[in-house]
Amino acid sequence: MESGERTKRRLSPRKQSWVAVTVPYVVFAISAAFLPVSLALIPVAVAVLGAGVFRMLQRCPVCGASLARVPIEFFGRGS
């Protein structure tokens, strides 16, 4: 890297998808462990909606097509 030049590392669309899939589960686990059920549903609903919107807004870096229609594979099985 040249002096004064900074490069930004970006997550690949596949890693972004995994983040969007795992964040709601982590939020659910933390909420279920520390909050009563009625209050735990609020952060879980926000996390799930946020992940869904994030997934819909993702675009292919090469062609610009929406990645929302590409299935995510779990253990070799597509959804």
N, C-alpha and C. Protein backbone atom coordinates (compact mmCIF):
# COMPACT_ATOMS: atom_id res chain seq x y z
N MET A 1 0.84 -1.17 0.00
CA MET A 1 0.00 0.00 0.00
C MET A 1 0.89 1.23 0.00
N GLU A 2 0.57 2.17 -0.84
CA GLU A 2 1.35 3.39 -0.92
C GLU A 2 1.04 4.28 0.28
N SER A 3 1.95 5.19 0.56
CA SER A 3 1.74 6.06 1.72
C SER A 3 0.54 6.97 1.50
N GLY A 4 -0.29 7.07 2.50
CA GLY A 4 -1.45 7.93 2.44
C GLY A 4 -2.65 7.32 1.74
N GLU A 5 -2.49 6.19 1.10
CA GLU A 5 -3.59 5.56 0.37
C GLU A 5 -4.21 4.47 1.25
N ARG A 6 -5.49 4.57 1.44
CA ARG A 6 -6.20 3.56 2.23
C ARG A 6 -7.16 2.82 1.32
N THR A 7 -7.22 1.54 1.50
CA THR A 7 -8.17 0.76 0.73
C THR A 7 -9.29 0.31 1.65
N LYS A 8 -10.50 0.31 1.14
CA LYS A 8 -11.65 -0.14 1.90
C LYS A 8 -11.91 -1.60 1.57
N ARG A 9 -11.98 -2.41 2.61
CA ARG A 9 -12.33 -3.81 2.40
C ARG A 9 -13.82 -3.94 2.54
N ARG A 10 -14.44 -4.52 1.56
CA ARG A 10 -15.88 -4.73 1.57
C ARG A 10 -16.16 -6.21 1.66
N LEU A 11 -17.27 -6.53 2.29
CA LEU A 11 -17.69 -7.92 2.35
C LEU A 11 -18.27 -8.33 1.01
N SER A 12 -18.02 -9.56 0.63
CA SER A 12 -18.60 -10.08 -0.60
C SER A 12 -20.11 -10.23 -0.40
N PRO A 13 -20.88 -10.26 -1.49
CA PRO A 13 -22.33 -10.45 -1.35
C PRO A 13 -22.70 -11.73 -0.60
N ARG A 14 -21.91 -12.77 -0.77
CA ARG A 14 -22.19 -14.02 -0.06
C ARG A 14 -22.02 -13.85 1.45
N LYS A 15 -20.94 -13.18 1.86
CA LYS A 15 -20.73 -12.95 3.29
C LYS A 15 -21.79 -11.99 3.84
N GLN A 16 -22.19 -11.02 3.06
CA GLN A 16 -23.26 -10.11 3.48
C GLN A 16 -24.55 -10.89 3.70
N SER A 17 -24.82 -11.86 2.84
CA SER A 17 -26.02 -12.68 2.99
C SER A 17 -25.97 -13.50 4.27
N TRP A 18 -24.82 -14.05 4.57
CA TRP A 18 -24.69 -14.83 5.79
C TRP A 18 -24.87 -13.94 7.02
N VAL A 19 -24.36 -12.72 6.95
CA VAL A 19 -24.55 -11.79 8.06
C VAL A 19 -26.04 -11.49 8.22
N ALA A 20 -26.73 -11.26 7.11
CA ALA A 20 -28.16 -10.95 7.16
C ALA A 20 -28.97 -12.14 7.67
N VAL A 21 -28.49 -13.34 7.50
CA VAL A 21 -29.21 -14.52 7.97
C VAL A 21 -28.90 -14.79 9.45
N THR A 22 -27.67 -14.58 9.88
CA THR A 22 -27.29 -14.94 11.24
C THR A 22 -27.61 -13.86 12.28
N VAL A 23 -27.64 -12.60 11.91
CA VAL A 23 -27.89 -11.54 12.88
C VAL A 23 -29.25 -11.71 13.58
N PRO A 24 -30.35 -11.98 12.86
CA PRO A 24 -31.61 -12.18 13.59
C PRO A 24 -31.58 -13.34 14.58
N TYR A 25 -30.86 -14.40 14.26
CA TYR A 25 -30.77 -15.52 15.19
C TYR A 25 -29.99 -15.14 16.44
N VAL A 26 -28.93 -14.40 16.28
CA VAL A 26 -28.14 -13.95 17.43
C VAL A 26 -28.97 -12.99 18.29
N VAL A 27 -29.66 -12.07 17.64
CA VAL A 27 -30.52 -11.13 18.38
C VAL A 27 -31.61 -11.90 19.13
N PHE A 28 -32.19 -12.91 18.50
CA PHE A 28 -33.21 -13.73 19.17
C PHE A 28 -32.64 -14.43 20.39
N ALA A 29 -31.46 -15.02 20.25
CA ALA A 29 -30.86 -15.74 21.38
C ALA A 29 -30.58 -14.80 22.54
N ILE A 30 -30.03 -13.63 22.26
CA ILE A 30 -29.74 -12.67 23.33
C ILE A 30 -31.02 -12.14 23.95
N SER A 31 -32.01 -11.82 23.10
CA SER A 31 -33.28 -11.30 23.62
C SER A 31 -34.01 -12.34 24.46
N ALA A 32 -34.01 -13.57 24.01
CA ALA A 32 -34.69 -14.63 24.75
C ALA A 32 -34.01 -14.91 26.09
N ALA A 33 -32.71 -14.71 26.15
CA ALA A 33 -31.98 -14.99 27.37
C ALA A 33 -32.16 -13.90 28.42
N PHE A 34 -32.29 -12.65 27.99
CA PHE A 34 -32.27 -11.56 28.95
C PHE A 34 -33.57 -10.78 29.10
N LEU A 35 -34.53 -10.96 28.21
CA LEU A 35 -35.76 -10.18 28.28
C LEU A 35 -36.97 -11.09 28.44
N PRO A 36 -38.05 -10.56 29.01
CA PRO A 36 -39.30 -11.33 29.02
C PRO A 36 -39.80 -11.51 27.59
N VAL A 37 -40.63 -12.50 27.37
CA VAL A 37 -41.07 -12.85 26.02
C VAL A 37 -41.72 -11.68 25.30
N SER A 38 -42.58 -10.95 25.99
CA SER A 38 -43.27 -9.84 25.32
C SER A 38 -42.31 -8.76 24.87
N LEU A 39 -41.26 -8.50 25.63
CA LEU A 39 -40.27 -7.49 25.23
C LEU A 39 -39.24 -8.05 24.24
N ALA A 40 -39.00 -9.35 24.27
CA ALA A 40 -38.02 -9.96 23.37
C ALA A 40 -38.49 -9.95 21.92
N LEU A 41 -39.79 -9.92 21.72
CA LEU A 41 -40.32 -9.94 20.35
C LEU A 41 -40.01 -8.65 19.59
N ILE A 42 -39.87 -7.55 20.28
CA ILE A 42 -39.61 -6.27 19.62
C ILE A 42 -38.24 -6.26 18.92
N PRO A 43 -37.11 -6.54 19.60
CA PRO A 43 -35.83 -6.54 18.88
C PRO A 43 -35.74 -7.65 17.83
N VAL A 44 -36.41 -8.77 18.09
CA VAL A 44 -36.39 -9.85 17.10
C VAL A 44 -37.11 -9.42 15.82
N ALA A 45 -38.28 -8.79 15.97
CA ALA A 45 -39.02 -8.33 14.79
C ALA A 45 -38.24 -7.27 14.02
N VAL A 46 -37.61 -6.36 14.74
CA VAL A 46 -36.81 -5.31 14.08
C VAL A 46 -35.62 -5.94 13.35
N ALA A 47 -34.96 -6.91 13.96
CA ALA A 47 -33.80 -7.55 13.33
C ALA A 47 -34.21 -8.33 12.08
N VAL A 48 -35.33 -9.02 12.15
CA VAL A 48 -35.79 -9.81 10.99
C VAL A 48 -36.19 -8.88 9.84
N LEU A 49 -36.93 -7.82 10.16
CA LEU A 49 -37.31 -6.86 9.12
C LEU A 49 -36.09 -6.16 8.53
N GLY A 50 -35.15 -5.79 9.37
CA GLY A 50 -33.93 -5.15 8.88
C GLY A 50 -33.13 -6.07 7.98
N ALA A 51 -33.03 -7.35 8.35
CA ALA A 51 -32.31 -8.30 7.52
C ALA A 51 -33.01 -8.51 6.18
N GLY A 52 -34.34 -8.51 6.20
CA GLY A 52 -35.09 -8.67 4.96
C GLY A 52 -34.90 -7.49 4.02
N VAL A 53 -34.96 -6.29 4.57
CA VAL A 53 -34.74 -5.09 3.76
C VAL A 53 -33.31 -5.06 3.23
N PHE A 54 -32.35 -5.40 4.10
CA PHE A 54 -30.95 -5.45 3.68
C PHE A 54 -30.76 -6.42 2.52
N ARG A 55 -31.39 -7.59 2.63
CA ARG A 55 -31.28 -8.61 1.59
C ARG A 55 -31.91 -8.13 0.28
N MET A 56 -33.04 -7.43 0.35
CA MET A 56 -33.69 -6.94 -0.86
C MET A 56 -32.88 -5.85 -1.55
N LEU A 57 -32.11 -5.08 -0.79
CA LEU A 57 -31.34 -3.97 -1.36
C LEU A 57 -29.97 -4.39 -1.90
N GLN A 58 -29.55 -5.62 -1.63
CA GLN A 58 -28.26 -6.07 -2.12
C GLN A 58 -28.25 -6.16 -3.64
N ARG A 59 -27.15 -5.76 -4.24
CA ARG A 59 -26.99 -5.82 -5.70
C ARG A 59 -25.69 -6.54 -6.03
N CYS A 60 -25.68 -7.20 -7.18
CA CYS A 60 -24.47 -7.85 -7.67
C CYS A 60 -23.45 -6.77 -8.01
N PRO A 61 -22.20 -6.92 -7.55
CA PRO A 61 -21.21 -5.90 -7.85
C PRO A 61 -20.82 -5.86 -9.33
N VAL A 62 -21.08 -6.94 -10.05
CA VAL A 62 -20.69 -7.01 -11.46
C VAL A 62 -21.80 -6.50 -12.37
N CYS A 63 -23.00 -7.07 -12.24
CA CYS A 63 -24.06 -6.74 -13.18
C CYS A 63 -25.13 -5.83 -12.60
N GLY A 64 -25.17 -5.66 -11.28
CA GLY A 64 -26.15 -4.78 -10.67
C GLY A 64 -27.52 -5.41 -10.46
N ALA A 65 -27.65 -6.71 -10.71
CA ALA A 65 -28.93 -7.40 -10.52
C ALA A 65 -29.20 -7.60 -9.02
N SER A 66 -30.46 -7.67 -8.65
CA SER A 66 -30.84 -7.88 -7.26
C SER A 66 -30.45 -9.28 -6.81
N LEU A 67 -29.88 -9.37 -5.63
CA LEU A 67 -29.48 -10.66 -5.09
C LEU A 67 -30.58 -11.30 -4.24
N ALA A 68 -31.71 -10.62 -4.11
CA ALA A 68 -32.81 -11.15 -3.29
C ALA A 68 -33.39 -12.43 -3.87
N ARG A 69 -33.23 -12.64 -5.14
CA ARG A 69 -33.80 -13.83 -5.77
C ARG A 69 -32.84 -15.02 -5.80
N VAL A 70 -31.61 -14.81 -5.35
CA VAL A 70 -30.63 -15.89 -5.33
C VAL A 70 -30.79 -16.65 -4.01
N PRO A 71 -31.02 -17.97 -4.07
CA PRO A 71 -31.21 -18.72 -2.83
C PRO A 71 -29.92 -18.82 -2.03
N ILE A 72 -30.06 -18.87 -0.73
CA ILE A 72 -28.92 -19.07 0.17
C ILE A 72 -28.86 -20.55 0.49
N GLU A 73 -27.69 -21.14 0.35
CA GLU A 73 -27.54 -22.57 0.61
C GLU A 73 -27.18 -22.82 2.07
N PHE A 74 -27.89 -23.76 2.70
CA PHE A 74 -27.59 -24.21 4.04
C PHE A 74 -27.17 -25.67 3.95
N PHE A 75 -25.93 -25.93 4.26
CA PHE A 75 -25.40 -27.28 4.25
C PHE A 75 -25.64 -27.99 2.92
N GLY A 76 -25.42 -27.26 1.83
CA GLY A 76 -25.53 -27.84 0.50
C GLY A 76 -26.95 -27.89 -0.06
N ARG A 77 -27.92 -27.41 0.69
CA ARG A 77 -29.31 -27.43 0.22
C ARG A 77 -29.79 -26.01 0.03
N GLY A 78 -30.28 -25.70 -1.15
CA GLY A 78 -30.80 -24.37 -1.45
C GLY A 78 -32.19 -24.17 -0.89
N SER A 79 -32.51 -22.93 -0.59
CA SER A 79 -33.84 -22.65 -0.07
C SER A 79 -34.76 -22.14 -1.16
